[in-house]
C-alpha atoms as a PDB file:
ATOM      1  CA  MET A   1      35.754  -2.601  16.239  1.00  0.00           C
ATOM      2  CA  THR A   2      35.711   0.119  13.646  1.00  0.00           C
ATOM      3  CA  ARG A   3      32.742   2.409  13.173  1.00  0.00           C
ATOM      4  CA  GLY A   4      31.659   0.437  10.115  1.00  0.00           C
ATOM      5  CA  GLN A   5      31.788  -2.863  11.986  1.00  0.00           C
ATOM      6  CA  VAL A   6      29.769  -1.422  14.873  1.00  0.00           C
ATOM      7  CA  LEU A   7      27.188  -0.153  12.407  1.00  0.00           C
ATOM      8  CA  ARG A   8      27.020  -3.441  10.523  1.00  0.00           C
ATOM      9  CA  TYR A   9      27.125  -5.932  13.391  1.00  0.00           C
ATOM     10  CA  VAL A  10      25.527  -4.057  16.300  1.00  0.00           C
ATOM     11  CA  THR A  11      23.456  -1.053  15.300  1.00  0.00           C
ATOM     12  CA  LEU A  12      21.689  -2.285  12.148  1.00  0.00           C
ATOM     13  CA  PRO A  13      20.694  -5.714  13.560  1.00  0.00           C
ATOM     14  CA  ALA A  14      19.332  -4.020  16.668  1.00  0.00           C
ATOM     15  CA  ALA A  15      17.419  -1.417  14.642  1.00  0.00           C
ATOM     16  CA  ALA A  16      16.158  -3.725  11.878  1.00  0.00           C
ATOM     17  CA  PRO A  17      12.835  -4.667  13.554  1.00  0.00           C
ATOM     18  CA  ALA A  18      11.907  -1.047  14.134  1.00  0.00           C
ATOM     19  CA  ILE A  19      12.960  -0.074  10.609  1.00  0.00           C
ATOM     20  CA  PHE A  20      10.924  -2.860   9.002  1.00  0.00           C
ATOM     21  CA  THR A  21       7.909  -2.145  11.183  1.00  0.00           C
ATOM     22  CA  GLY A  22       8.127   1.583  10.467  1.00  0.00           C
ATOM     23  CA  VAL A  23       8.311   1.049   6.721  1.00  0.00           C
ATOM     24  CA  LEU A  24       5.354  -1.329   6.696  1.00  0.00           C
ATOM     25  CA  MET A  25       3.264   0.890   8.962  1.00  0.00           C
ATOM     26  CA  ALA A  26       4.033   3.916   6.770  1.00  0.00           C
ATOM     27  CA  LEU A  27       2.968   1.960   3.688  1.00  0.00           C
ATOM     28  CA  SER A  28      -0.207   0.907   5.466  1.00  0.00           C
ATOM     29  CA  GLN A  29      -0.930   4.503   6.468  1.00  0.00           C
ATOM     30  CA  VAL A  30      -0.475   5.688   2.897  1.00  0.00           C
ATOM     31  CA  VAL A  31      -2.887   3.056   1.621  1.00  0.00           C
ATOM     32  CA  GLY A  32      -5.355   3.818   4.420  1.00  0.00           C
ATOM     33  CA  GLU A  33      -5.325   7.538   3.802  1.00  0.00           C
ATOM     34  CA  THR A  34      -6.480   7.139   0.244  1.00  0.00           C
ATOM     35  CA  ALA A  35      -9.987   7.694   1.591  1.00  0.00           C
ATOM     36  CA  ALA A  36      -9.140  11.396   1.640  1.00  0.00           C
ATOM     37  CA  LEU A  37      -8.262  11.173  -2.038  1.00  0.00           C
ATOM     38  CA  ILE A  38     -11.608   9.555  -2.727  1.00  0.00           C
ATOM     39  CA  ALA A  39     -13.500  12.172  -0.707  1.00  0.00           C
ATOM     40  CA  VAL A  40     -11.799  15.096  -2.412  1.00  0.00           C
ATOM     41  CA  GLY A  41     -12.056  13.472  -5.792  1.00  0.00           C
ATOM     42  CA  ALA A  42      -9.643  12.123  -8.297  1.00  0.00           C
ATOM     43  CA  ALA A  43      -9.004  14.739 -10.932  1.00  0.00           C
ATOM     44  CA  ALA A  44      -7.469  12.375 -13.448  1.00  0.00           C
ATOM     45  CA  PHE A  45      -8.114   8.728 -14.024  1.00  0.00           C
ATOM     46  CA  VAL A  46      -7.309   6.003 -16.487  1.00  0.00           C
ATOM     47  CA  SER A  47     -10.382   3.995 -17.365  1.00  0.00           C
ATOM     48  CA  PHE A  48      -8.676   1.072 -19.069  1.00  0.00           C
ATOM     49  CA  VAL A  49      -6.869  -2.042 -17.960  1.00  0.00           C
ATOM     50  CA  PRO A  50      -3.121  -1.375 -17.964  1.00  0.00           C
ATOM     51  CA  ASP A  51      -0.732  -3.429 -20.073  1.00  0.00           C
ATOM     52  CA  LEU A  52       1.050  -5.798 -17.681  1.00  0.00           C
ATOM     53  CA  SER A  53       3.841  -6.927 -19.992  1.00  0.00           C
ATOM     54  CA  LEU A  54       7.425  -6.110 -19.094  1.00  0.00           C
ATOM     55  CA  SER A  55       7.862  -4.120 -22.294  1.00  0.00           C
ATOM     56  CA  ALA A  56       5.111  -1.722 -21.226  1.00  0.00           C
ATOM     57  CA  LEU A  57       6.740  -0.173 -18.160  1.00  0.00           C
ATOM     58  CA  GLN A  58       5.994   3.301 -19.541  1.00  0.00           C
ATOM     59  CA  SER A  59       2.326   2.582 -20.302  1.00  0.00           C
ATOM     60  CA  GLY A  60      -0.609   4.144 -18.471  1.00  0.00           C
ATOM     61  CA  TYR A  61      -1.858   2.786 -15.177  1.00  0.00           C
ATOM     62  CA  THR A  62      -4.445   3.463 -12.522  1.00  0.00           C
ATOM     63  CA  THR A  63      -4.691   3.093  -8.743  1.00  0.00           C
ATOM     64  CA  LEU A  64      -7.337   1.501  -6.549  1.00  0.00           C
ATOM     65  CA  PRO A  65      -8.485   4.824  -5.014  1.00  0.00           C
ATOM     66  CA  THR A  66      -8.819   6.376  -8.452  1.00  0.00           C
ATOM     67  CA  GLN A  67     -10.854   3.425  -9.681  1.00  0.00           C
ATOM     68  CA  ILE A  68     -13.049   3.597  -6.587  1.00  0.00           C
ATOM     69  CA  PHE A  69     -13.758   7.261  -7.278  1.00  0.00           C
ATOM     70  CA  TYR A  70     -14.421   6.583 -10.957  1.00  0.00           C
ATOM     71  CA  TRP A  71     -16.783   3.680 -10.250  1.00  0.00           C
ATOM     72  CA  ALA A  72     -18.548   5.389  -7.329  1.00  0.00           C
ATOM     73  CA  THR A  73     -19.449   8.406  -9.465  1.00  0.00           C
ATOM     74  CA  ARG A  74     -21.105   6.262 -12.133  1.00  0.00           C
ATOM     75  CA  PRO A  75     -24.908   5.971 -11.786  1.00  0.00           C
ATOM     76  CA  GLN A  76     -25.171   2.282 -12.774  1.00  0.00           C
ATOM     77  CA  ALA A  77     -25.650  -0.205  -9.927  1.00  0.00           C
ATOM     78  CA  GLU A  78     -22.963  -2.515 -11.303  1.00  0.00           C
ATOM     79  CA  PHE A  79     -20.326   0.169 -10.843  1.00  0.00           C
ATOM     80  CA  GLN A  80     -21.506   0.779  -7.279  1.00  0.00           C
ATOM     81  CA  GLY A  81     -20.913  -2.905  -6.564  1.00  0.00           C
ATOM     82  CA  LEU A  82     -17.471  -2.736  -8.152  1.00  0.00           C
ATOM     83  CA  ALA A  83     -16.604   0.297  -6.021  1.00  0.00           C
ATOM     84  CA  ALA A  84     -17.718  -1.497  -2.857  1.00  0.00           C
ATOM     85  CA  ALA A  85     -15.681  -4.587  -3.747  1.00  0.00           C
ATOM     86  CA  THR A  86     -12.626  -2.445  -4.459  1.00  0.00           C
ATOM     87  CA  ILE A  87     -13.001  -0.718  -1.086  1.00  0.00           C
ATOM     88  CA  ILE A  88     -13.027  -4.149   0.566  1.00  0.00           C
ATOM     89  CA  VAL A  89      -9.880  -5.143  -1.357  1.00  0.00           C
ATOM     90  CA  LEU A  90      -8.158  -1.913  -0.301  1.00  0.00           C
ATOM     91  CA  GLY A  91      -9.136  -2.543   3.328  1.00  0.00           C
ATOM     92  CA  ALA A  92      -7.836  -6.106   3.096  1.00  0.00           C
ATOM     93  CA  ILE A  93      -4.508  -4.813   1.769  1.00  0.00           C
ATOM     94  CA  VAL A  94      -4.220  -2.453   4.752  1.00  0.00           C
ATOM     95  CA  LEU A  95      -5.078  -5.283   7.154  1.00  0.00           C
ATOM     96  CA  VAL A  96      -2.523  -7.659   5.613  1.00  0.00           C
ATOM     97  CA  ILE A  97       0.232  -5.029   5.705  1.00  0.00           C
ATOM     98  CA  ASN A  98      -0.499  -4.307   9.375  1.00  0.00           C
ATOM     99  CA  VAL A  99      -0.531  -8.009  10.290  1.00  0.00           C
ATOM    100  CA  VAL A 100       2.769  -8.577   8.462  1.00  0.00           C
ATOM    101  CA  ALA A 101       4.306  -5.582  10.254  1.00  0.00           C
ATOM    102  CA  VAL A 102       3.253  -6.853  13.672  1.00  0.00           C
ATOM    103  CA  PHE A 103       4.415 -10.388  12.847  1.00  0.00           C
ATOM    104  CA  MET A 104       7.812  -9.165  11.644  1.00  0.00           C
ATOM    105  CA  ARG A 105       8.219  -6.934  14.688  1.00  0.00           C
ATOM    106  CA  ASP A 106       7.492  -9.830  17.039  1.00  0.00           C
ATOM    107  CA  LEU A 107       9.733 -12.176  15.052  1.00  0.00           C
ATOM    108  CA  PHE A 108      12.718  -9.822  15.174  1.00  0.00           C
ATOM    109  CA  TYR A 109      12.220  -8.777  18.795  1.00  0.00           C
ATOM    110  CA  ARG A 110      12.378 -12.411  19.935  1.00  0.00           C
ATOM    111  CA  ARG A 111      15.956 -12.746  18.658  1.00  0.00           C
END
Protein backbone atom coordinates (compact mmCIF):
# COMPACT_ATOMS: atom_id res chain seq x y z
CA MET A 1 0.00 0.00 0.00
CA THR A 2 1.13 3.53 -0.63
CA ARG A 3 1.23 6.13 2.11
CA GLY A 4 -1.99 7.67 0.81
CA GLN A 5 -3.80 4.33 0.83
CA VAL A 6 -2.63 3.61 4.38
CA LEU A 7 -3.86 7.02 5.46
CA ARG A 8 -7.21 6.63 3.72
CA TYR A 9 -8.02 3.00 4.50
CA VAL A 10 -6.29 2.37 7.84
CA THR A 11 -5.38 5.50 9.77
CA LEU A 12 -8.40 7.75 9.17
CA PRO A 13 -11.05 5.04 9.81
CA ALA A 14 -9.27 4.08 13.01
CA ALA A 15 -8.97 7.71 14.16
CA ALA A 16 -12.43 8.89 13.07
CA PRO A 17 -14.22 8.14 16.38
CA ALA A 18 -11.66 10.05 18.40
CA ILE A 19 -11.68 12.94 15.93
CA PHE A 20 -15.48 13.22 15.96
CA THR A 21 -15.64 12.93 19.73
CA GLY A 22 -12.90 15.53 20.16
CA VAL A 23 -14.61 18.01 17.87
CA LEU A 24 -17.97 17.61 19.59
CA MET A 25 -16.46 17.82 23.07
CA ALA A 26 -14.53 20.96 22.09
CA LEU A 27 -17.74 22.52 20.77
CA SER A 28 -19.51 21.58 23.99
CA GLN A 29 -16.70 23.10 26.06
CA VAL A 30 -16.88 26.34 24.10
CA VAL A 31 -20.62 26.57 24.65
CA GLY A 32 -20.24 25.67 28.33
CA GLU A 33 -17.56 28.24 28.96
CA THR A 34 -19.78 31.08 27.88
CA ALA A 35 -20.63 31.49 31.56
CA ALA A 36 -17.30 33.29 31.89
CA LEU A 37 -18.40 35.68 29.16
CA ILE A 38 -21.61 36.34 31.04
CA ALA A 39 -19.78 36.90 34.33
CA VAL A 40 -17.28 39.32 32.84
CA GLY A 41 -19.93 41.04 30.80
CA ALA A 42 -20.68 41.40 27.16
CA ALA A 43 -19.31 44.68 25.94
CA ALA A 44 -21.30 44.76 22.73
CA PHE A 45 -24.68 43.32 21.97
CA VAL A 46 -27.31 43.38 19.28
CA SER A 47 -30.75 43.88 20.74
CA PHE A 48 -32.80 42.97 17.68
CA VAL A 49 -33.89 39.78 16.00
CA PRO A 50 -31.47 38.97 13.17
CA ASP A 51 -32.64 38.64 9.58
CA LEU A 52 -32.69 34.91 8.80
CA SER A 53 -33.02 35.14 5.02
CA LEU A 54 -30.23 33.78 2.85
CA SER A 55 -29.65 37.20 1.31
CA ALA A 56 -28.78 38.63 4.73
CA LEU A 57 -25.61 36.67 5.48
CA GLN A 58 -23.80 39.94 6.26
CA SER A 59 -26.50 41.27 8.60
CA GLY A 60 -26.10 41.70 12.35
CA TYR A 61 -26.56 38.83 14.75
CA THR A 62 -26.36 38.02 18.43
CA THR A 63 -25.36 35.02 20.55
CA LEU A 64 -27.13 33.29 23.42
CA PRO A 65 -24.55 34.39 26.05
CA THR A 66 -24.79 37.98 24.89
CA GLN A 67 -28.58 37.88 25.08
CA ILE A 68 -28.41 36.33 28.54
CA PHE A 69 -26.17 39.16 29.71
CA TYR A 70 -28.40 41.78 28.09
CA TRP A 71 -31.60 40.34 29.59
CA ALA A 72 -30.07 39.66 33.03
CA THR A 73 -28.98 43.28 33.41
CA ARG A 74 -32.48 44.61 32.74
CA PRO A 75 -34.50 45.39 35.89
CA GLN A 76 -37.87 44.12 34.59
CA ALA A 77 -38.99 40.70 35.84
CA GLU A 78 -39.94 39.57 32.33
CA PHE A 79 -36.34 39.91 31.18
CA GLN A 80 -35.14 37.93 34.20
CA GLY A 81 -37.44 35.10 33.12
CA LEU A 82 -36.15 35.31 29.56
CA ALA A 83 -32.56 35.15 30.81
CA ALA A 84 -33.35 32.08 32.92
CA ALA A 85 -35.05 30.35 29.99
CA THR A 86 -32.10 31.14 27.73
CA ILE A 87 -29.69 29.69 30.30
CA ILE A 88 -31.76 26.49 30.29
CA VAL A 89 -31.65 26.38 26.47
CA LEU A 90 -27.87 26.87 26.52
CA GLY A 91 -27.51 24.07 29.08
CA ALA A 92 -29.71 21.81 26.96
CA ILE A 93 -27.51 22.49 23.93
CA VAL A 94 -24.42 21.48 25.93
CA LEU A 95 -26.16 18.32 27.15
CA VAL A 96 -27.29 17.33 23.64
CA ILE A 97 -23.81 17.88 22.18
CA ASN A 98 -22.25 15.74 24.93
CA VAL A 99 -24.81 12.95 24.46
CA VAL A 100 -24.26 12.96 20.68
CA ALA A 101 -20.48 12.82 21.21
CA VAL A 102 -20.73 9.84 23.54
CA PHE A 103 -23.20 8.09 21.23
CA MET A 104 -20.98 8.62 18.19
CA ARG A 105 -17.90 7.45 20.08
CA ASP A 106 -19.65 4.25 21.16
CA LEU A 107 -21.08 3.71 17.67
CA PHE A 108 -17.69 4.01 15.97
CA TYR A 109 -15.78 2.02 18.59
CA ARG A 110 -18.10 -0.97 18.10
CA ARG A 111 -17.02 -1.33 14.46
